[in-house]
All heavy atoms as atom14 arrays in JSON, in Angstrom:
{
  "sequence": "FDFNLLWTVINLVIFFLLMRLFLFKPIKKTLAAREEM",
  "atom14_mask": [
    [1, 1, 1, 1, 1, 1, 1, 1, 1, 1, 1, 0, 0, 0],
    [1, 1, 1, 1, 1, 1, 1, 1, 0, 0, 0, 0, 0, 0],
    [1, 1, 1, 1, 1, 1, 1, 1, 1, 1, 1, 0, 0, 0],
    [1, 1, 1, 1, 1, 1, 1, 1, 0, 0, 0, 0, 0, 0],
    [1, 1, 1, 1, 1, 1, 1, 1, 0, 0, 0, 0, 0, 0],
    [1, 1, 1, 1, 1, 1, 1, 1, 0, 0, 0, 0, 0, 0],
    [1, 1, 1, 1, 1, 1, 1, 1, 1, 1, 1, 1, 1, 1],
    [1, 1, 1, 1, 1, 1, 1, 0, 0, 0, 0, 0, 0, 0],
    [1, 1, 1, 1, 1, 1, 1, 0, 0, 0, 0, 0, 0, 0],
    [1, 1, 1, 1, 1, 1, 1, 1, 0, 0, 0, 0, 0, 0],
    [1, 1, 1, 1, 1, 1, 1, 1, 0, 0, 0, 0, 0, 0],
    [1, 1, 1, 1, 1, 1, 1, 1, 0, 0, 0, 0, 0, 0],
    [1, 1, 1, 1, 1, 1, 1, 0, 0, 0, 0, 0, 0, 0],
    [1, 1, 1, 1, 1, 1, 1, 1, 0, 0, 0, 0, 0, 0],
    [1, 1, 1, 1, 1, 1, 1, 1, 1, 1, 1, 0, 0, 0],
    [1, 1, 1, 1, 1, 1, 1, 1, 1, 1, 1, 0, 0, 0],
    [1, 1, 1, 1, 1, 1, 1, 1, 0, 0, 0, 0, 0, 0],
    [1, 1, 1, 1, 1, 1, 1, 1, 0, 0, 0, 0, 0, 0],
    [1, 1, 1, 1, 1, 1, 1, 1, 0, 0, 0, 0, 0, 0],
    [1, 1, 1, 1, 1, 1, 1, 1, 1, 1, 1, 0, 0, 0],
    [1, 1, 1, 1, 1, 1, 1, 1, 0, 0, 0, 0, 0, 0],
    [1, 1, 1, 1, 1, 1, 1, 1, 1, 1, 1, 0, 0, 0],
    [1, 1, 1, 1, 1, 1, 1, 1, 0, 0, 0, 0, 0, 0],
    [1, 1, 1, 1, 1, 1, 1, 1, 1, 1, 1, 0, 0, 0],
    [1, 1, 1, 1, 1, 1, 1, 1, 1, 0, 0, 0, 0, 0],
    [1, 1, 1, 1, 1, 1, 1, 0, 0, 0, 0, 0, 0, 0],
    [1, 1, 1, 1, 1, 1, 1, 1, 0, 0, 0, 0, 0, 0],
    [1, 1, 1, 1, 1, 1, 1, 1, 1, 0, 0, 0, 0, 0],
    [1, 1, 1, 1, 1, 1, 1, 1, 1, 0, 0, 0, 0, 0],
    [1, 1, 1, 1, 1, 1, 1, 0, 0, 0, 0, 0, 0, 0],
    [1, 1, 1, 1, 1, 1, 1, 1, 0, 0, 0, 0, 0, 0],
    [1, 1, 1, 1, 1, 0, 0, 0, 0, 0, 0, 0, 0, 0],
    [1, 1, 1, 1, 1, 0, 0, 0, 0, 0, 0, 0, 0, 0],
    [1, 1, 1, 1, 1, 1, 1, 1, 1, 1, 1, 0, 0, 0],
    [1, 1, 1, 1, 1, 1, 1, 1, 1, 0, 0, 0, 0, 0],
    [1, 1, 1, 1, 1, 1, 1, 1, 1, 0, 0, 0, 0, 0],
    [1, 1, 1, 1, 1, 1, 1, 1, 0, 0, 0, 0, 0, 0]
  ],
  "atom14_positions": [
    [[26.69, -27.58, 13.43], [25.56, -28.01, 14.2], [26.01, -28.18, 15.64], [26.87, -28.94, 15.96], [25.03, -29.31, 13.62], [23.75, -29.73, 14.25], [22.61, -28.99, 14.1], [23.7, -30.87, 15.03], [21.46, -29.41, 14.68], [22.54, -31.27, 15.6], [21.41, -30.52, 15.42], [0.0, 0.0, 0.0], [0.0, 0.0, 0.0], [0.0, 0.0, 0.0]],
    [[25.28, -27.48, 16.46], [25.66, -27.48, 17.86], [24.51, -28.11, 18.65], [23.36, -27.8, 18.46], [25.92, -26.04, 18.27], [26.6, -25.94, 19.58], [27.0, -26.96, 20.11], [26.67, -24.82, 20.09], [0.0, 0.0, 0.0], [0.0, 0.0, 0.0], [0.0, 0.0, 0.0], [0.0, 0.0, 0.0], [0.0, 0.0, 0.0], [0.0, 0.0, 0.0]],
    [[24.95, -28.96, 19.6], [23.94, -29.63, 20.42], [23.27, -28.64, 21.38], [22.13, -28.83, 21.75], [24.57, -30.78, 21.21], [24.71, -32.01, 20.4], [25.96, -32.44, 19.96], [23.61, -32.77, 20.04], [26.1, -33.56, 19.2], [23.78, -33.9, 19.27], [24.99, -34.3, 18.85], [0.0, 0.0, 0.0], [0.0, 0.0, 0.0], [0.0, 0.0, 0.0]],
    [[23.94, -27.63, 21.7], [23.33, -26.61, 22.56], [22.14, -25.93, 21.88], [21.14, -25.63, 22.51], [24.35, -25.54, 22.91], [25.2, -25.95, 24.08], [24.78, -26.78, 24.87], [26.36, -25.36, 24.18], [0.0, 0.0, 0.0], [0.0, 0.0, 0.0], [0.0, 0.0, 0.0], [0.0, 0.0, 0.0], [0.0, 0.0, 0.0], [0.0, 0.0, 0.0]],
    [[22.38, -25.75, 20.62], [21.29, -25.14, 19.87], [20.09, -26.08, 19.82], [18.94, -25.65, 19.94], [21.79, -24.8, 18.47], [20.79, -24.12, 17.57], [20.41, -22.73, 18.08], [21.36, -24.03, 16.17], [0.0, 0.0, 0.0], [0.0, 0.0, 0.0], [0.0, 0.0, 0.0], [0.0, 0.0, 0.0], [0.0, 0.0, 0.0], [0.0, 0.0, 0.0]],
    [[20.36, -27.34, 19.63], [19.28, -28.34, 19.59], [18.57, -28.39, 20.93], [17.33, -28.4, 20.99], [19.87, -29.69, 19.22], [18.88, -30.83, 19.16], [17.87, -30.63, 18.04], [19.61, -32.13, 19.01], [0.0, 0.0, 0.0], [0.0, 0.0, 0.0], [0.0, 0.0, 0.0], [0.0, 0.0, 0.0], [0.0, 0.0, 0.0], [0.0, 0.0, 0.0]],
    [[19.32, -28.4, 22.02], [18.71, -28.43, 23.35], [17.93, -27.13, 23.61], [16.85, -27.17, 24.2], [19.76, -28.6, 24.44], [20.21, -30.04, 24.57], [21.41, -30.54, 24.29], [19.41, -31.1, 25.0], [21.45, -31.87, 24.49], [20.18, -32.26, 24.96], [18.1, -31.27, 25.43], [19.73, -33.51, 25.32], [17.68, -32.53, 25.8], [18.47, -33.62, 25.74]],
    [[18.39, -26.09, 23.13], [17.69, -24.83, 23.31], [16.38, -24.85, 22.55], [15.33, -24.42, 23.07], [18.56, -23.66, 22.82], [19.79, -23.69, 23.51], [17.88, -22.33, 23.04], [0.0, 0.0, 0.0], [0.0, 0.0, 0.0], [0.0, 0.0, 0.0], [0.0, 0.0, 0.0], [0.0, 0.0, 0.0], [0.0, 0.0, 0.0], [0.0, 0.0, 0.0]],
    [[16.4, -25.36, 21.36], [15.17, -25.46, 20.55], [14.21, -26.42, 21.23], [13.0, -26.17, 21.33], [15.5, -25.88, 19.1], [14.24, -26.23, 18.33], [16.27, -24.81, 18.4], [0.0, 0.0, 0.0], [0.0, 0.0, 0.0], [0.0, 0.0, 0.0], [0.0, 0.0, 0.0], [0.0, 0.0, 0.0], [0.0, 0.0, 0.0], [0.0, 0.0, 0.0]],
    [[14.7, -27.54, 21.7], [13.84, -28.54, 22.36], [13.26, -27.91, 23.64], [12.06, -28.06, 23.93], [14.62, -29.83, 22.66], [14.93, -30.56, 21.36], [13.83, -30.73, 23.6], [15.8, -31.78, 21.53], [0.0, 0.0, 0.0], [0.0, 0.0, 0.0], [0.0, 0.0, 0.0], [0.0, 0.0, 0.0], [0.0, 0.0, 0.0], [0.0, 0.0, 0.0]],
    [[14.1, -27.21, 24.37], [13.63, -26.55, 25.59], [12.54, -25.51, 25.27], [11.54, -25.39, 25.98], [14.79, -25.87, 26.32], [15.58, -26.84, 27.17], [15.05, -27.87, 27.59], [16.82, -26.51, 27.44], [0.0, 0.0, 0.0], [0.0, 0.0, 0.0], [0.0, 0.0, 0.0], [0.0, 0.0, 0.0], [0.0, 0.0, 0.0], [0.0, 0.0, 0.0]],
    [[12.79, -24.8, 24.2], [11.79, -23.79, 23.8], [10.48, -24.46, 23.39], [9.39, -23.97, 23.74], [12.31, -22.93, 22.65], [13.24, -21.81, 23.04], [13.78, -21.13, 21.8], [12.55, -20.81, 23.93], [0.0, 0.0, 0.0], [0.0, 0.0, 0.0], [0.0, 0.0, 0.0], [0.0, 0.0, 0.0], [0.0, 0.0, 0.0], [0.0, 0.0, 0.0]],
    [[10.53, -25.53, 22.67], [9.31, -26.25, 22.25], [8.6, -26.8, 23.49], [7.37, -26.69, 23.63], [9.64, -27.36, 21.23], [8.45, -28.28, 21.0], [10.12, -26.76, 19.94], [0.0, 0.0, 0.0], [0.0, 0.0, 0.0], [0.0, 0.0, 0.0], [0.0, 0.0, 0.0], [0.0, 0.0, 0.0], [0.0, 0.0, 0.0], [0.0, 0.0, 0.0]],
    [[9.34, -27.41, 24.4], [8.73, -27.96, 25.62], [8.14, -26.82, 26.46], [7.02, -26.91, 26.98], [9.77, -28.78, 26.42], [10.12, -30.06, 25.67], [9.24, -29.11, 27.81], [11.23, -30.86, 26.3], [0.0, 0.0, 0.0], [0.0, 0.0, 0.0], [0.0, 0.0, 0.0], [0.0, 0.0, 0.0], [0.0, 0.0, 0.0], [0.0, 0.0, 0.0]],
    [[8.94, -25.75, 26.58], [8.45, -24.59, 27.33], [7.17, -24.02, 26.7], [6.21, -23.69, 27.4], [9.55, -23.52, 27.39], [9.2, -22.34, 28.2], [9.07, -22.43, 29.58], [8.95, -21.13, 27.57], [8.72, -21.33, 30.31], [8.59, -20.03, 28.31], [8.48, -20.1, 29.68], [0.0, 0.0, 0.0], [0.0, 0.0, 0.0], [0.0, 0.0, 0.0]],
    [[7.14, -23.97, 25.37], [5.95, -23.48, 24.67], [4.75, -24.4, 24.92], [3.64, -23.93, 25.18], [6.23, -23.36, 23.17], [5.04, -22.98, 22.37], [4.53, -21.68, 22.39], [4.37, -23.93, 21.6], [3.4, -21.33, 21.67], [3.24, -23.57, 20.87], [2.77, -22.27, 20.91], [0.0, 0.0, 0.0], [0.0, 0.0, 0.0], [0.0, 0.0, 0.0]],
    [[4.95, -25.71, 24.85], [3.87, -26.66, 25.09], [3.36, -26.57, 26.53], [2.15, -26.61, 26.77], [4.32, -28.08, 24.76], [4.55, -28.38, 23.28], [5.11, -29.81, 23.12], [3.28, -28.24, 22.48], [0.0, 0.0, 0.0], [0.0, 0.0, 0.0], [0.0, 0.0, 0.0], [0.0, 0.0, 0.0], [0.0, 0.0, 0.0], [0.0, 0.0, 0.0]],
    [[4.3, -26.44, 27.45], [3.89, -26.32, 28.84], [3.13, -25.01, 29.08], [2.13, -24.97, 29.8], [5.11, -26.4, 29.77], [5.73, -27.78, 29.94], [7.01, -27.69, 30.78], [4.76, -28.74, 30.57], [0.0, 0.0, 0.0], [0.0, 0.0, 0.0], [0.0, 0.0, 0.0], [0.0, 0.0, 0.0], [0.0, 0.0, 0.0], [0.0, 0.0, 0.0]],
    [[3.64, -23.96, 28.47], [2.96, -22.66, 28.59], [1.57, -22.75, 27.98], [0.61, -22.2, 28.52], [3.75, -21.56, 27.89], [5.05, -21.23, 28.51], [4.92, -19.98, 29.74], [4.6, -18.56, 28.82], [0.0, 0.0, 0.0], [0.0, 0.0, 0.0], [0.0, 0.0, 0.0], [0.0, 0.0, 0.0], [0.0, 0.0, 0.0], [0.0, 0.0, 0.0]],
    [[1.5, -23.39, 26.86], [0.21, -23.53, 26.19], [-0.75, -24.33, 27.06], [-1.92, -23.97, 27.19], [0.41, -24.2, 24.84], [-0.82, -24.22, 24.01], [-0.5, -24.72, 22.63], [-1.74, -24.86, 21.89], [-1.92, -25.66, 20.9], [-0.93, -26.39, 20.47], [-3.06, -25.72, 20.31], [0.0, 0.0, 0.0], [0.0, 0.0, 0.0], [0.0, 0.0, 0.0]],
    [[-0.24, -25.4, 27.64], [-1.07, -26.27, 28.46], [-1.47, -25.6, 29.77], [-2.64, -25.62, 30.15], [-0.34, -27.59, 28.72], [-1.08, -28.63, 29.55], [-2.3, -29.14, 28.8], [-0.15, -29.77, 29.88], [0.0, 0.0, 0.0], [0.0, 0.0, 0.0], [0.0, 0.0, 0.0], [0.0, 0.0, 0.0], [0.0, 0.0, 0.0], [0.0, 0.0, 0.0]],
    [[-0.56, -25.01, 30.46], [-0.84, -24.49, 31.79], [-1.14, -22.99, 31.84], [-1.7, -22.52, 32.81], [0.35, -24.79, 32.73], [0.5, -26.26, 33.01], [1.59, -26.96, 32.49], [-0.42, -26.94, 33.77], [1.74, -28.32, 32.73], [-0.26, -28.3, 34.03], [0.81, -28.98, 33.51], [0.0, 0.0, 0.0], [0.0, 0.0, 0.0], [0.0, 0.0, 0.0]],
    [[-0.79, -22.27, 30.84], [-0.99, -20.83, 30.9], [-2.02, -20.35, 29.88], [-2.97, -19.67, 30.22], [0.33, -20.1, 30.69], [0.3, -18.59, 30.84], [-0.05, -18.21, 32.27], [1.63, -17.99, 30.43], [0.0, 0.0, 0.0], [0.0, 0.0, 0.0], [0.0, 0.0, 0.0], [0.0, 0.0, 0.0], [0.0, 0.0, 0.0], [0.0, 0.0, 0.0]],
    [[-1.85, -20.68, 28.65], [-2.73, -20.16, 27.6], [-4.16, -20.69, 27.7], [-5.12, -19.95, 27.52], [-2.16, -20.44, 26.21], [-0.88, -19.72, 25.91], [0.09, -20.3, 25.09], [-0.63, -18.47, 26.43], [1.26, -19.63, 24.8], [0.54, -17.8, 26.14], [1.5, -18.39, 25.34], [0.0, 0.0, 0.0], [0.0, 0.0, 0.0], [0.0, 0.0, 0.0]],
    [[-4.33, -21.99, 27.97], [-5.68, -22.55, 28.06], [-6.47, -21.92, 29.22], [-7.61, -21.52, 29.02], [-5.63, -24.08, 28.18], [-5.38, -24.76, 26.87], [-5.53, -26.26, 26.98], [-5.27, -26.91, 25.63], [-5.41, -28.35, 25.67], [0.0, 0.0, 0.0], [0.0, 0.0, 0.0], [0.0, 0.0, 0.0], [0.0, 0.0, 0.0], [0.0, 0.0, 0.0]],
    [[-5.91, -21.82, 30.45], [-6.66, -21.16, 31.52], [-6.94, -19.68, 31.22], [-8.02, -19.18, 31.52], [-5.78, -21.3, 32.75], [-4.89, -22.45, 32.48], [-4.7, -22.47, 31.0], [0.0, 0.0, 0.0], [0.0, 0.0, 0.0], [0.0, 0.0, 0.0], [0.0, 0.0, 0.0], [0.0, 0.0, 0.0], [0.0, 0.0, 0.0], [0.0, 0.0, 0.0]],
    [[-5.98, -19.03, 30.6], [-6.21, -17.63, 30.25], [-7.33, -17.53, 29.22], [-8.2, -16.65, 29.32], [-4.9, -16.97, 29.76], [-3.95, -16.78, 30.94], [-5.18, -15.64, 29.08], [-2.59, -16.24, 30.56], [0.0, 0.0, 0.0], [0.0, 0.0, 0.0], [0.0, 0.0, 0.0], [0.0, 0.0, 0.0], [0.0, 0.0, 0.0], [0.0, 0.0, 0.0]],
    [[-7.32, -18.43, 28.22], [-8.39, -18.42, 27.21], [-9.75, -18.72, 27.86], [-10.74, -18.1, 27.5], [-8.09, -19.46, 26.1], [-7.13, -18.99, 25.07], [-7.02, -20.02, 23.95], [-6.08, -19.54, 22.88], [-5.95, -20.49, 21.78], [0.0, 0.0, 0.0], [0.0, 0.0, 0.0], [0.0, 0.0, 0.0], [0.0, 0.0, 0.0], [0.0, 0.0, 0.0]],
    [[-9.76, -19.65, 28.82], [-11.0, -19.95, 29.53], [-11.48, -18.71, 30.3], [-12.65, -18.37, 30.28], [-10.83, -21.12, 30.49], [-10.87, -22.47, 29.87], [-10.78, -23.53, 30.97], [-10.79, -24.93, 30.39], [-10.67, -25.96, 31.43], [0.0, 0.0, 0.0], [0.0, 0.0, 0.0], [0.0, 0.0, 0.0], [0.0, 0.0, 0.0], [0.0, 0.0, 0.0]],
    [[-10.54, -18.08, 30.99], [-10.89, -16.89, 31.76], [-11.39, -15.78, 30.85], [-12.39, -15.11, 31.13], [-9.67, -16.4, 32.57], [-9.21, -17.46, 33.41], [-10.03, -15.19, 33.42], [0.0, 0.0, 0.0], [0.0, 0.0, 0.0], [0.0, 0.0, 0.0], [0.0, 0.0, 0.0], [0.0, 0.0, 0.0], [0.0, 0.0, 0.0], [0.0, 0.0, 0.0]],
    [[-10.72, -15.58, 29.75], [-11.14, -14.56, 28.79], [-12.51, -14.89, 28.2], [-13.35, -14.0, 28.02], [-10.09, -14.39, 27.68], [-8.78, -13.71, 28.1], [-7.8, -13.7, 26.93], [-9.04, -12.3, 28.55], [0.0, 0.0, 0.0], [0.0, 0.0, 0.0], [0.0, 0.0, 0.0], [0.0, 0.0, 0.0], [0.0, 0.0, 0.0], [0.0, 0.0, 0.0]],
    [[-12.74, -16.18, 27.88], [-14.04, -16.61, 27.35], [-15.14, -16.39, 28.39], [-16.25, -15.92, 28.07], [-13.98, -18.07, 26.9], [0.0, 0.0, 0.0], [0.0, 0.0, 0.0], [0.0, 0.0, 0.0], [0.0, 0.0, 0.0], [0.0, 0.0, 0.0], [0.0, 0.0, 0.0], [0.0, 0.0, 0.0], [0.0, 0.0, 0.0], [0.0, 0.0, 0.0]],
    [[-14.83, -16.7, 29.65], [-15.81, -16.51, 30.72], [-16.11, -15.02, 30.91], [-17.27, -14.62, 31.07], [-15.31, -17.13, 32.01], [0.0, 0.0, 0.0], [0.0, 0.0, 0.0], [0.0, 0.0, 0.0], [0.0, 0.0, 0.0], [0.0, 0.0, 0.0], [0.0, 0.0, 0.0], [0.0, 0.0, 0.0], [0.0, 0.0, 0.0], [0.0, 0.0, 0.0]],
    [[-15.07, -14.21, 30.86], [-15.27, -12.76, 30.98], [-16.06, -12.22, 29.81], [-16.92, -11.34, 29.98], [-13.93, -12.04, 31.08], [-13.34, -12.15, 32.44], [-12.23, -11.2, 32.59], [-12.28, -10.69, 33.94], [-11.58, -9.7, 34.38], [-10.79, -9.06, 33.57], [-11.66, -9.33, 35.63], [0.0, 0.0, 0.0], [0.0, 0.0, 0.0], [0.0, 0.0, 0.0]],
    [[-15.73, -12.72, 28.62], [-16.48, -12.28, 27.43], [-17.96, -12.65, 27.56], [-18.84, -11.85, 27.27], [-15.86, -12.91, 26.18], [-16.48, -12.42, 24.89], [-15.83, -13.04, 23.66], [-14.77, -13.67, 23.77], [-16.43, -12.89, 22.59], [0.0, 0.0, 0.0], [0.0, 0.0, 0.0], [0.0, 0.0, 0.0], [0.0, 0.0, 0.0], [0.0, 0.0, 0.0]],
    [[-18.22, -13.86, 28.04], [-19.61, -14.31, 28.23], [-20.29, -13.46, 29.31], [-21.44, -13.05, 29.16], [-19.62, -15.79, 28.63], [-21.0, -16.39, 28.76], [-21.74, -16.45, 27.43], [-21.11, -16.57, 26.37], [-22.98, -16.36, 27.46], [0.0, 0.0, 0.0], [0.0, 0.0, 0.0], [0.0, 0.0, 0.0], [0.0, 0.0, 0.0], [0.0, 0.0, 0.0]],
    [[-19.55, -13.16, 30.38], [-20.1, -12.33, 31.44], [-20.41, -10.93, 30.91], [-21.48, -10.36, 31.21], [-19.1, -12.24, 32.61], [-19.62, -11.45, 33.8], [-18.42, -11.33, 35.11], [-17.29, -10.16, 34.41], [0.0, 0.0, 0.0], [0.0, 0.0, 0.0], [0.0, 0.0, 0.0], [0.0, 0.0, 0.0], [0.0, 0.0, 0.0], [0.0, 0.0, 0.0]]
  ]
}
């Protein structure tokens, strides 16, 4: 068990959550708006 691996996994989870929060939601909104348009 390596702590680097743990930090990498934690970083990936945080990165995923941040991406989801700041990237995926606006993209989904934009796509939904375009679909509605």
